[in-house]
Amino acid sequence: MPSTGNHYDVLLRNGEGMDPAQKLWGIRDVAIANGRIVLVEEDLAWVQADQTLDVAGKVVAPGLIDLHAHVYAGVTIFGIEADDLCPRTGVTTVIDAGNAGWVNFPGLKRYVIEPSQTRIVAFVHLSAIGLTFRNGELRAATSLAPSGSLPAPRG
């Protein structure tokens, strides 16, 4: 149900609010409407909601960022299904640490990044084929394409 006035879909009460970007740490109530956080205050007792949860003793925080993951499951030797794991762990953004090389990156983009509910940012592996098998992606010089690489930054 959309919010109207002081009516919201979900109200989280008494959570340990944490948001380093806003230098916030303390007991907070959170009102949610249409899947979005719309109010964060010390006391929202006046708010009406379809569902109210007492989350005392739990941390309530903005979505977390996983800075090193491998999300090209089924194609490379490392890989998780981002949408299976990330929502259960509070992660809303994941950074793929270079599973796909320039040859198979279009597949990562089309079949993993674009349909994912989790936001995925990906590095491209130095090897043309990425991490498709253990201990060997850089053994063949033909897997490298230095002419297509960006120049190294100079300090």
N, C-alpha and C. Protein backbone atom coordinates (compact mmCIF):
# COMPACT_ATOMS: atom_id res chain seq x y z
N MET A 1 0.85 -1.18 0.00
CA MET A 1 0.00 0.00 0.00
C MET A 1 0.89 1.24 0.00
N PRO A 2 0.68 2.18 -0.91
CA PRO A 2 1.51 3.38 -0.93
C PRO A 2 1.25 4.23 0.31
N SER A 3 2.26 5.03 0.67
CA SER A 3 2.11 5.87 1.85
C SER A 3 1.18 7.04 1.55
N THR A 4 0.36 7.35 2.51
CA THR A 4 -0.49 8.53 2.43
C THR A 4 -0.42 9.21 3.79
N GLY A 5 0.10 10.41 3.81
CA GLY A 5 0.23 11.11 5.09
C GLY A 5 1.20 10.39 6.00
N ASN A 6 0.67 9.82 7.08
CA ASN A 6 1.55 9.13 8.03
C ASN A 6 1.35 7.61 7.99
N HIS A 7 0.89 7.07 6.87
CA HIS A 7 0.71 5.62 6.74
C HIS A 7 1.78 5.05 5.79
N TYR A 8 2.47 4.00 6.25
CA TYR A 8 3.56 3.42 5.49
C TYR A 8 3.40 1.90 5.41
N ASP A 9 4.19 1.29 4.55
CA ASP A 9 4.13 -0.17 4.38
C ASP A 9 4.74 -0.90 5.57
N VAL A 10 5.94 -0.48 5.97
CA VAL A 10 6.66 -1.16 7.05
C VAL A 10 7.26 -0.11 7.98
N LEU A 11 7.21 -0.41 9.26
CA LEU A 11 7.86 0.43 10.26
C LEU A 11 8.79 -0.45 11.08
N LEU A 12 10.07 -0.12 11.08
CA LEU A 12 11.06 -0.81 11.91
C LEU A 12 11.26 0.04 13.15
N ARG A 13 11.03 -0.54 14.33
CA ARG A 13 11.12 0.21 15.58
C ARG A 13 12.34 -0.23 16.38
N ASN A 14 13.00 0.74 17.01
CA ASN A 14 14.04 0.51 18.02
C ASN A 14 15.30 -0.17 17.49
N GLY A 15 15.60 -0.02 16.20
CA GLY A 15 16.81 -0.62 15.65
C GLY A 15 18.04 0.20 15.94
N GLU A 16 19.17 -0.48 15.97
CA GLU A 16 20.46 0.21 16.15
C GLU A 16 20.84 0.78 14.79
N GLY A 17 20.45 2.03 14.56
CA GLY A 17 20.70 2.67 13.26
C GLY A 17 22.16 2.99 13.07
N MET A 18 22.68 2.62 11.91
CA MET A 18 24.08 2.88 11.60
C MET A 18 24.18 3.37 10.16
N ASP A 19 24.74 4.56 9.99
CA ASP A 19 25.00 5.10 8.66
C ASP A 19 26.23 5.98 8.73
N PRO A 20 27.42 5.40 8.47
CA PRO A 20 28.66 6.16 8.58
C PRO A 20 28.68 7.42 7.71
N ALA A 21 28.02 7.39 6.56
CA ALA A 21 28.01 8.56 5.67
C ALA A 21 27.35 9.76 6.34
N GLN A 22 26.40 9.50 7.23
CA GLN A 22 25.72 10.58 7.94
C GLN A 22 26.18 10.70 9.40
N LYS A 23 27.23 9.95 9.74
CA LYS A 23 27.74 9.92 11.11
C LYS A 23 26.63 9.58 12.10
N LEU A 24 25.80 8.60 11.73
CA LEU A 24 24.67 8.21 12.55
C LEU A 24 24.94 6.87 13.21
N TRP A 25 24.75 6.83 14.52
CA TRP A 25 24.79 5.58 15.27
C TRP A 25 23.92 5.77 16.50
N GLY A 26 22.83 5.05 16.56
CA GLY A 26 21.94 5.16 17.71
C GLY A 26 20.61 4.50 17.41
N ILE A 27 19.77 4.44 18.43
CA ILE A 27 18.47 3.80 18.28
C ILE A 27 17.61 4.67 17.36
N ARG A 28 17.07 4.04 16.30
CA ARG A 28 16.25 4.76 15.33
C ARG A 28 15.08 3.91 14.89
N ASP A 29 14.02 4.60 14.46
CA ASP A 29 12.89 3.97 13.81
C ASP A 29 12.99 4.30 12.32
N VAL A 30 12.54 3.38 11.48
CA VAL A 30 12.65 3.55 10.03
C VAL A 30 11.29 3.24 9.41
N ALA A 31 10.78 4.18 8.61
CA ALA A 31 9.52 3.96 7.88
C ALA A 31 9.84 3.69 6.42
N ILE A 32 9.15 2.68 5.85
CA ILE A 32 9.40 2.26 4.47
C ILE A 32 8.09 2.31 3.70
N ALA A 33 8.15 2.89 2.49
CA ALA A 33 6.98 2.93 1.61
C ALA A 33 7.44 2.61 0.20
N ASN A 34 6.72 1.73 -0.47
CA ASN A 34 7.03 1.35 -1.85
C ASN A 34 8.48 0.88 -2.00
N GLY A 35 8.98 0.14 -1.01
CA GLY A 35 10.33 -0.40 -1.08
C GLY A 35 11.44 0.60 -0.83
N ARG A 36 11.08 1.80 -0.39
CA ARG A 36 12.08 2.85 -0.16
C ARG A 36 12.03 3.34 1.28
N ILE A 37 13.19 3.66 1.82
CA ILE A 37 13.25 4.26 3.16
C ILE A 37 12.81 5.72 3.00
N VAL A 38 11.80 6.12 3.77
CA VAL A 38 11.29 7.48 3.63
C VAL A 38 11.46 8.32 4.90
N LEU A 39 11.57 7.68 6.05
CA LEU A 39 11.79 8.42 7.30
C LEU A 39 12.75 7.65 8.19
N VAL A 40 13.68 8.36 8.82
CA VAL A 40 14.55 7.79 9.84
C VAL A 40 14.59 8.80 10.97
N GLU A 41 14.03 8.42 12.11
CA GLU A 41 13.97 9.33 13.25
C GLU A 41 14.12 8.54 14.54
N GLU A 42 14.37 9.26 15.64
CA GLU A 42 14.51 8.60 16.93
C GLU A 42 13.22 7.94 17.39
N ASP A 43 12.07 8.55 17.06
CA ASP A 43 10.80 7.99 17.51
C ASP A 43 9.73 8.25 16.46
N LEU A 44 9.23 7.20 15.87
CA LEU A 44 8.15 7.30 14.89
C LEU A 44 6.88 6.62 15.41
N ALA A 45 6.64 6.77 16.71
CA ALA A 45 5.47 6.13 17.32
C ALA A 45 4.17 6.59 16.68
N TRP A 46 4.14 7.78 16.11
CA TRP A 46 2.94 8.34 15.49
C TRP A 46 2.64 7.74 14.12
N VAL A 47 3.59 6.99 13.56
CA VAL A 47 3.44 6.44 12.22
C VAL A 47 2.55 5.20 12.23
N GLN A 48 1.67 5.11 11.25
CA GLN A 48 0.86 3.92 11.04
C GLN A 48 1.47 3.13 9.89
N ALA A 49 1.52 1.81 10.03
CA ALA A 49 2.11 0.97 8.99
C ALA A 49 1.35 -0.34 8.88
N ASP A 50 1.41 -0.92 7.69
CA ASP A 50 0.78 -2.23 7.48
C ASP A 50 1.46 -3.30 8.32
N GLN A 51 2.78 -3.13 8.52
CA GLN A 51 3.54 -4.10 9.31
C GLN A 51 4.53 -3.34 10.18
N THR A 52 4.54 -3.61 11.46
CA THR A 52 5.49 -2.99 12.39
C THR A 52 6.33 -4.09 13.01
N LEU A 53 7.64 -3.92 12.94
CA LEU A 53 8.56 -4.91 13.49
C LEU A 53 9.42 -4.27 14.56
N ASP A 54 9.52 -4.90 15.72
CA ASP A 54 10.43 -4.43 16.75
C ASP A 54 11.79 -5.08 16.46
N VAL A 55 12.76 -4.28 16.08
CA VAL A 55 14.07 -4.79 15.71
C VAL A 55 15.14 -4.42 16.74
N ALA A 56 14.70 -4.27 17.99
CA ALA A 56 15.63 -3.96 19.08
C ALA A 56 16.75 -5.00 19.10
N GLY A 57 17.97 -4.51 19.27
CA GLY A 57 19.12 -5.40 19.30
C GLY A 57 19.66 -5.77 17.93
N LYS A 58 19.02 -5.29 16.87
CA LYS A 58 19.47 -5.56 15.50
C LYS A 58 20.04 -4.27 14.89
N VAL A 59 20.99 -4.42 14.00
CA VAL A 59 21.57 -3.27 13.30
C VAL A 59 20.74 -3.00 12.06
N VAL A 60 20.37 -1.75 11.87
CA VAL A 60 19.65 -1.31 10.69
C VAL A 60 20.59 -0.36 9.96
N ALA A 61 20.96 -0.72 8.74
CA ALA A 61 21.98 0.05 8.02
C ALA A 61 21.62 0.15 6.55
N PRO A 62 22.19 1.13 5.85
CA PRO A 62 22.02 1.16 4.40
C PRO A 62 22.67 -0.08 3.78
N GLY A 63 22.35 -0.36 2.53
CA GLY A 63 22.92 -1.52 1.86
C GLY A 63 24.43 -1.51 1.90
N LEU A 64 25.00 -2.69 2.12
CA LEU A 64 26.45 -2.83 2.19
C LEU A 64 27.03 -3.08 0.81
N ILE A 65 28.33 -2.80 0.66
CA ILE A 65 29.04 -3.02 -0.60
C ILE A 65 30.09 -4.11 -0.37
N ASP A 66 30.02 -5.18 -1.15
CA ASP A 66 31.02 -6.24 -1.11
C ASP A 66 32.10 -5.85 -2.12
N LEU A 67 33.28 -5.53 -1.62
CA LEU A 67 34.35 -5.00 -2.47
C LEU A 67 35.12 -6.05 -3.27
N HIS A 68 34.93 -7.33 -2.96
CA HIS A 68 35.66 -8.37 -3.70
C HIS A 68 34.80 -9.63 -3.75
N ALA A 69 34.23 -9.86 -4.91
CA ALA A 69 33.41 -11.05 -5.09
C ALA A 69 33.63 -11.59 -6.50
N HIS A 70 33.13 -12.77 -6.74
CA HIS A 70 33.17 -13.38 -8.06
C HIS A 70 31.75 -13.83 -8.36
N VAL A 71 31.13 -13.23 -9.37
CA VAL A 71 29.71 -13.47 -9.61
C VAL A 71 29.40 -14.09 -10.98
N TYR A 72 30.40 -14.65 -11.64
CA TYR A 72 30.17 -15.27 -12.95
C TYR A 72 30.01 -16.77 -12.75
N ALA A 73 29.05 -17.15 -11.93
CA ALA A 73 28.81 -18.56 -11.58
C ALA A 73 28.50 -19.39 -12.81
N GLY A 74 29.08 -20.58 -12.85
CA GLY A 74 28.82 -21.51 -13.94
C GLY A 74 29.70 -21.30 -15.16
N VAL A 75 30.42 -20.21 -15.21
CA VAL A 75 31.30 -19.93 -16.35
C VAL A 75 32.75 -19.94 -15.91
N THR A 76 33.01 -19.35 -14.75
CA THR A 76 34.37 -19.32 -14.25
C THR A 76 34.47 -20.24 -13.03
N ILE A 77 35.69 -20.54 -12.61
CA ILE A 77 35.87 -21.48 -11.51
C ILE A 77 35.40 -20.94 -10.18
N PHE A 78 35.36 -19.64 -10.05
CA PHE A 78 34.84 -19.02 -8.84
C PHE A 78 33.52 -18.38 -9.22
N GLY A 79 32.59 -18.39 -8.35
CA GLY A 79 31.37 -17.67 -8.69
C GLY A 79 30.22 -17.97 -7.75
N ILE A 80 29.52 -16.90 -7.39
CA ILE A 80 28.31 -17.03 -6.60
C ILE A 80 27.16 -16.45 -7.41
N GLU A 81 25.96 -16.81 -7.03
CA GLU A 81 24.77 -16.19 -7.60
C GLU A 81 24.49 -14.97 -6.72
N ALA A 82 24.77 -13.79 -7.22
CA ALA A 82 24.66 -12.57 -6.41
C ALA A 82 23.27 -12.40 -5.81
N ASP A 83 22.23 -12.65 -6.58
CA ASP A 83 20.87 -12.44 -6.08
C ASP A 83 20.44 -13.49 -5.06
N ASP A 84 21.15 -14.61 -4.98
CA ASP A 84 20.84 -15.61 -3.96
C ASP A 84 21.48 -15.23 -2.62
N LEU A 85 22.71 -14.75 -2.66
CA LEU A 85 23.46 -14.50 -1.43
C LEU A 85 23.35 -13.07 -0.92
N CYS A 86 23.49 -12.11 -1.79
CA CYS A 86 23.61 -10.71 -1.34
C CYS A 86 22.43 -10.19 -0.52
N PRO A 87 21.19 -10.39 -0.93
CA PRO A 87 20.08 -9.86 -0.11
C PRO A 87 20.05 -10.44 1.31
N ARG A 88 20.48 -11.68 1.47
CA ARG A 88 20.47 -12.31 2.79
C ARG A 88 21.59 -11.80 3.69
N THR A 89 22.57 -11.10 3.11
CA THR A 89 23.70 -10.62 3.89
C THR A 89 23.75 -9.10 3.97
N GLY A 90 22.72 -8.43 3.49
CA GLY A 90 22.67 -6.97 3.56
C GLY A 90 23.44 -6.27 2.47
N VAL A 91 23.94 -7.01 1.49
CA VAL A 91 24.72 -6.44 0.40
C VAL A 91 23.79 -6.01 -0.73
N THR A 92 23.90 -4.75 -1.14
CA THR A 92 23.10 -4.25 -2.27
C THR A 92 23.96 -3.99 -3.49
N THR A 93 25.28 -3.87 -3.30
CA THR A 93 26.21 -3.65 -4.41
C THR A 93 27.38 -4.59 -4.24
N VAL A 94 27.76 -5.25 -5.33
CA VAL A 94 28.89 -6.18 -5.28
C VAL A 94 29.85 -5.82 -6.41
N ILE A 95 31.14 -5.96 -6.13
CA ILE A 95 32.16 -5.68 -7.15
C ILE A 95 32.80 -7.01 -7.55
N ASP A 96 32.59 -7.39 -8.81
CA ASP A 96 33.20 -8.60 -9.34
C ASP A 96 34.67 -8.28 -9.59
N ALA A 97 35.54 -9.05 -8.98
CA ALA A 97 36.97 -8.75 -8.98
C ALA A 97 37.71 -9.25 -10.22
N GLY A 98 37.03 -9.37 -11.33
CA GLY A 98 37.72 -9.70 -12.56
C GLY A 98 37.58 -11.14 -13.01
N ASN A 99 36.39 -11.70 -12.93
CA ASN A 99 36.18 -13.06 -13.44
C ASN A 99 36.25 -13.13 -14.95
N ALA A 100 35.65 -12.17 -15.62
CA ALA A 100 35.57 -12.20 -17.08
C ALA A 100 36.71 -11.41 -17.70
N GLY A 101 37.25 -11.95 -18.80
CA GLY A 101 38.22 -11.21 -19.60
C GLY A 101 37.48 -10.47 -20.70
N TRP A 102 38.23 -9.81 -21.57
CA TRP A 102 37.57 -9.02 -22.62
C TRP A 102 36.78 -9.89 -23.59
N VAL A 103 37.15 -11.17 -23.73
CA VAL A 103 36.44 -12.06 -24.65
C VAL A 103 35.06 -12.44 -24.11
N ASN A 104 34.98 -12.76 -22.82
CA ASN A 104 33.70 -13.22 -22.28
C ASN A 104 32.98 -12.19 -21.41
N PHE A 105 33.50 -10.97 -21.35
CA PHE A 105 32.82 -9.92 -20.58
C PHE A 105 31.40 -9.63 -21.10
N PRO A 106 31.18 -9.62 -22.41
CA PRO A 106 29.80 -9.38 -22.88
C PRO A 106 28.79 -10.38 -22.30
N GLY A 107 29.22 -11.62 -22.08
CA GLY A 107 28.33 -12.61 -21.47
C GLY A 107 28.05 -12.30 -20.01
N LEU A 108 29.08 -11.88 -19.28
CA LEU A 108 28.88 -11.47 -17.89
C LEU A 108 27.89 -10.31 -17.82
N LYS A 109 28.07 -9.36 -18.70
CA LYS A 109 27.18 -8.19 -18.71
C LYS A 109 25.73 -8.60 -19.03
N ARG A 110 25.57 -9.38 -20.10
CA ARG A 110 24.21 -9.72 -20.56
C ARG A 110 23.49 -10.70 -19.64
N TYR A 111 24.19 -11.74 -19.18
CA TYR A 111 23.52 -12.81 -18.46
C TYR A 111 23.60 -12.70 -16.93
N VAL A 112 24.47 -11.83 -16.42
CA VAL A 112 24.60 -11.70 -14.97
C VAL A 112 24.29 -10.27 -14.51
N ILE A 113 25.01 -9.30 -15.04
CA ILE A 113 24.87 -7.92 -14.55
C ILE A 113 23.49 -7.35 -14.88
N GLU A 114 23.09 -7.41 -16.14
CA GLU A 114 21.84 -6.76 -16.55
C GLU A 114 20.59 -7.33 -15.87
N PRO A 115 20.43 -8.65 -15.74
CA PRO A 115 19.21 -9.15 -15.10
C PRO A 115 19.24 -9.14 -13.56
N SER A 116 20.38 -8.84 -12.97
CA SER A 116 20.53 -8.94 -11.52
C SER A 116 19.78 -7.83 -10.78
N GLN A 117 19.15 -8.20 -9.67
CA GLN A 117 18.56 -7.21 -8.78
C GLN A 117 19.64 -6.54 -7.94
N THR A 118 20.71 -7.27 -7.65
CA THR A 118 21.86 -6.73 -6.93
C THR A 118 22.65 -5.87 -7.91
N ARG A 119 23.08 -4.70 -7.48
CA ARG A 119 23.91 -3.85 -8.34
C ARG A 119 25.29 -4.49 -8.44
N ILE A 120 25.76 -4.72 -9.67
CA ILE A 120 27.06 -5.35 -9.89
C ILE A 120 27.94 -4.41 -10.70
N VAL A 121 29.14 -4.18 -10.17
CA VAL A 121 30.18 -3.43 -10.88
C VAL A 121 31.30 -4.44 -11.10
N ALA A 122 31.88 -4.47 -12.30
CA ALA A 122 32.85 -5.52 -12.58
C ALA A 122 34.16 -4.98 -13.15
N PHE A 123 35.25 -5.56 -12.69
CA PHE A 123 36.55 -5.35 -13.31
C PHE A 123 36.71 -6.37 -14.43
N VAL A 124 37.50 -6.04 -15.43
CA VAL A 124 37.80 -6.97 -16.51
C VAL A 124 39.17 -7.58 -16.24
N HIS A 125 39.27 -8.90 -16.30
CA HIS A 125 40.52 -9.61 -16.03
C HIS A 125 41.54 -9.31 -17.12
N LEU A 126 42.80 -9.30 -16.76
CA LEU A 126 43.89 -9.07 -17.71
C LEU A 126 43.93 -10.13 -18.81
N SER A 127 43.59 -11.36 -18.46
CA SER A 127 43.55 -12.43 -19.44
C SER A 127 42.30 -12.30 -20.30
N ALA A 128 42.43 -12.56 -21.58
CA ALA A 128 41.28 -12.47 -22.49
C ALA A 128 40.14 -13.38 -22.05
N ILE A 129 40.46 -14.53 -21.48
CA ILE A 129 39.44 -15.50 -21.11
C ILE A 129 39.02 -15.42 -19.64
N GLY A 130 39.64 -14.55 -18.87
CA GLY A 130 39.28 -14.41 -17.46
C GLY A 130 39.66 -15.62 -16.65
N LEU A 131 38.94 -15.86 -15.58
CA LEU A 131 39.22 -16.96 -14.67
C LEU A 131 38.40 -18.19 -15.03
N THR A 132 38.53 -18.65 -16.26
CA THR A 132 37.72 -19.80 -16.68
C THR A 132 38.23 -21.13 -16.16
N PHE A 133 39.47 -21.20 -15.75
CA PHE A 133 39.98 -22.41 -15.13
C PHE A 133 41.11 -22.05 -14.18
N ARG A 134 41.34 -22.95 -13.23
CA ARG A 134 42.30 -22.67 -12.17
C ARG A 134 43.75 -22.72 -12.67
N ASN A 135 44.50 -21.69 -12.28
CA ASN A 135 45.96 -21.70 -12.46
C ASN A 135 46.37 -21.86 -13.92
N GLY A 136 45.92 -20.96 -14.76
CA GLY A 136 46.36 -21.09 -16.13
C GLY A 136 45.91 -19.99 -17.07
N GLU A 137 45.11 -19.07 -16.58
CA GLU A 137 44.56 -18.07 -17.49
C GLU A 137 45.62 -17.15 -18.10
N LEU A 138 46.79 -17.05 -17.48
CA LEU A 138 47.84 -16.19 -18.02
C LEU A 138 49.04 -16.97 -18.54
N ARG A 139 48.94 -18.28 -18.63
CA ARG A 139 50.07 -19.09 -19.11
C ARG A 139 50.32 -18.90 -20.60
N ALA A 140 49.28 -18.75 -21.38
CA ALA A 140 49.45 -18.57 -22.81
C ALA A 140 49.50 -17.08 -23.14
N ALA A 141 50.58 -16.65 -23.75
CA ALA A 141 50.72 -15.24 -24.10
C ALA A 141 49.60 -14.78 -25.03
N THR A 142 48.99 -15.71 -25.73
CA THR A 142 47.90 -15.34 -26.64
C THR A 142 46.64 -14.90 -25.88
N SER A 143 46.60 -15.21 -24.58
CA SER A 143 45.46 -14.78 -23.77
C SER A 143 45.57 -13.33 -23.36
N LEU A 144 46.73 -12.74 -23.57
CA LEU A 144 46.94 -11.33 -23.22
C LEU A 144 46.79 -10.48 -24.47
N ALA A 145 46.34 -9.29 -24.29
CA ALA A 145 46.20 -8.35 -25.40
C ALA A 145 46.71 -6.97 -24.98
N PRO A 146 48.04 -6.86 -24.79
CA PRO A 146 48.59 -5.59 -24.29
C PRO A 146 48.29 -4.41 -25.21
N SER A 147 48.14 -4.64 -26.50
CA SER A 147 47.87 -3.52 -27.40
C SER A 147 46.47 -2.93 -27.16
N GLY A 148 45.58 -3.72 -26.60
CA GLY A 148 44.24 -3.23 -26.33
C GLY A 148 44.07 -2.72 -24.91
N SER A 149 45.14 -2.74 -24.14
CA SER A 149 45.07 -2.31 -22.74
C SER A 149 45.26 -0.82 -22.62
N LEU A 150 44.79 -0.29 -21.52
CA LEU A 150 45.02 1.13 -21.23
C LEU A 150 46.45 1.31 -20.79
N PRO A 151 47.04 2.45 -21.08
CA PRO A 151 48.41 2.69 -20.60
C PRO A 151 48.43 2.82 -19.08
N ALA A 152 49.56 2.43 -18.48
CA ALA A 152 49.71 2.54 -17.03
C ALA A 152 49.80 4.01 -16.66
N PRO A 153 49.17 4.40 -15.55
CA PRO A 153 49.27 5.80 -15.11
C PRO A 153 50.71 6.13 -14.72
N ARG A 154 51.09 7.31 -15.01
CA ARG A 154 52.45 7.76 -14.66
C ARG A 154 52.35 8.82 -13.57
N GLY A 155 53.19 8.63 -12.55
CA GLY A 155 53.09 9.50 -11.37
C GLY A 155 53.98 10.62 -11.38
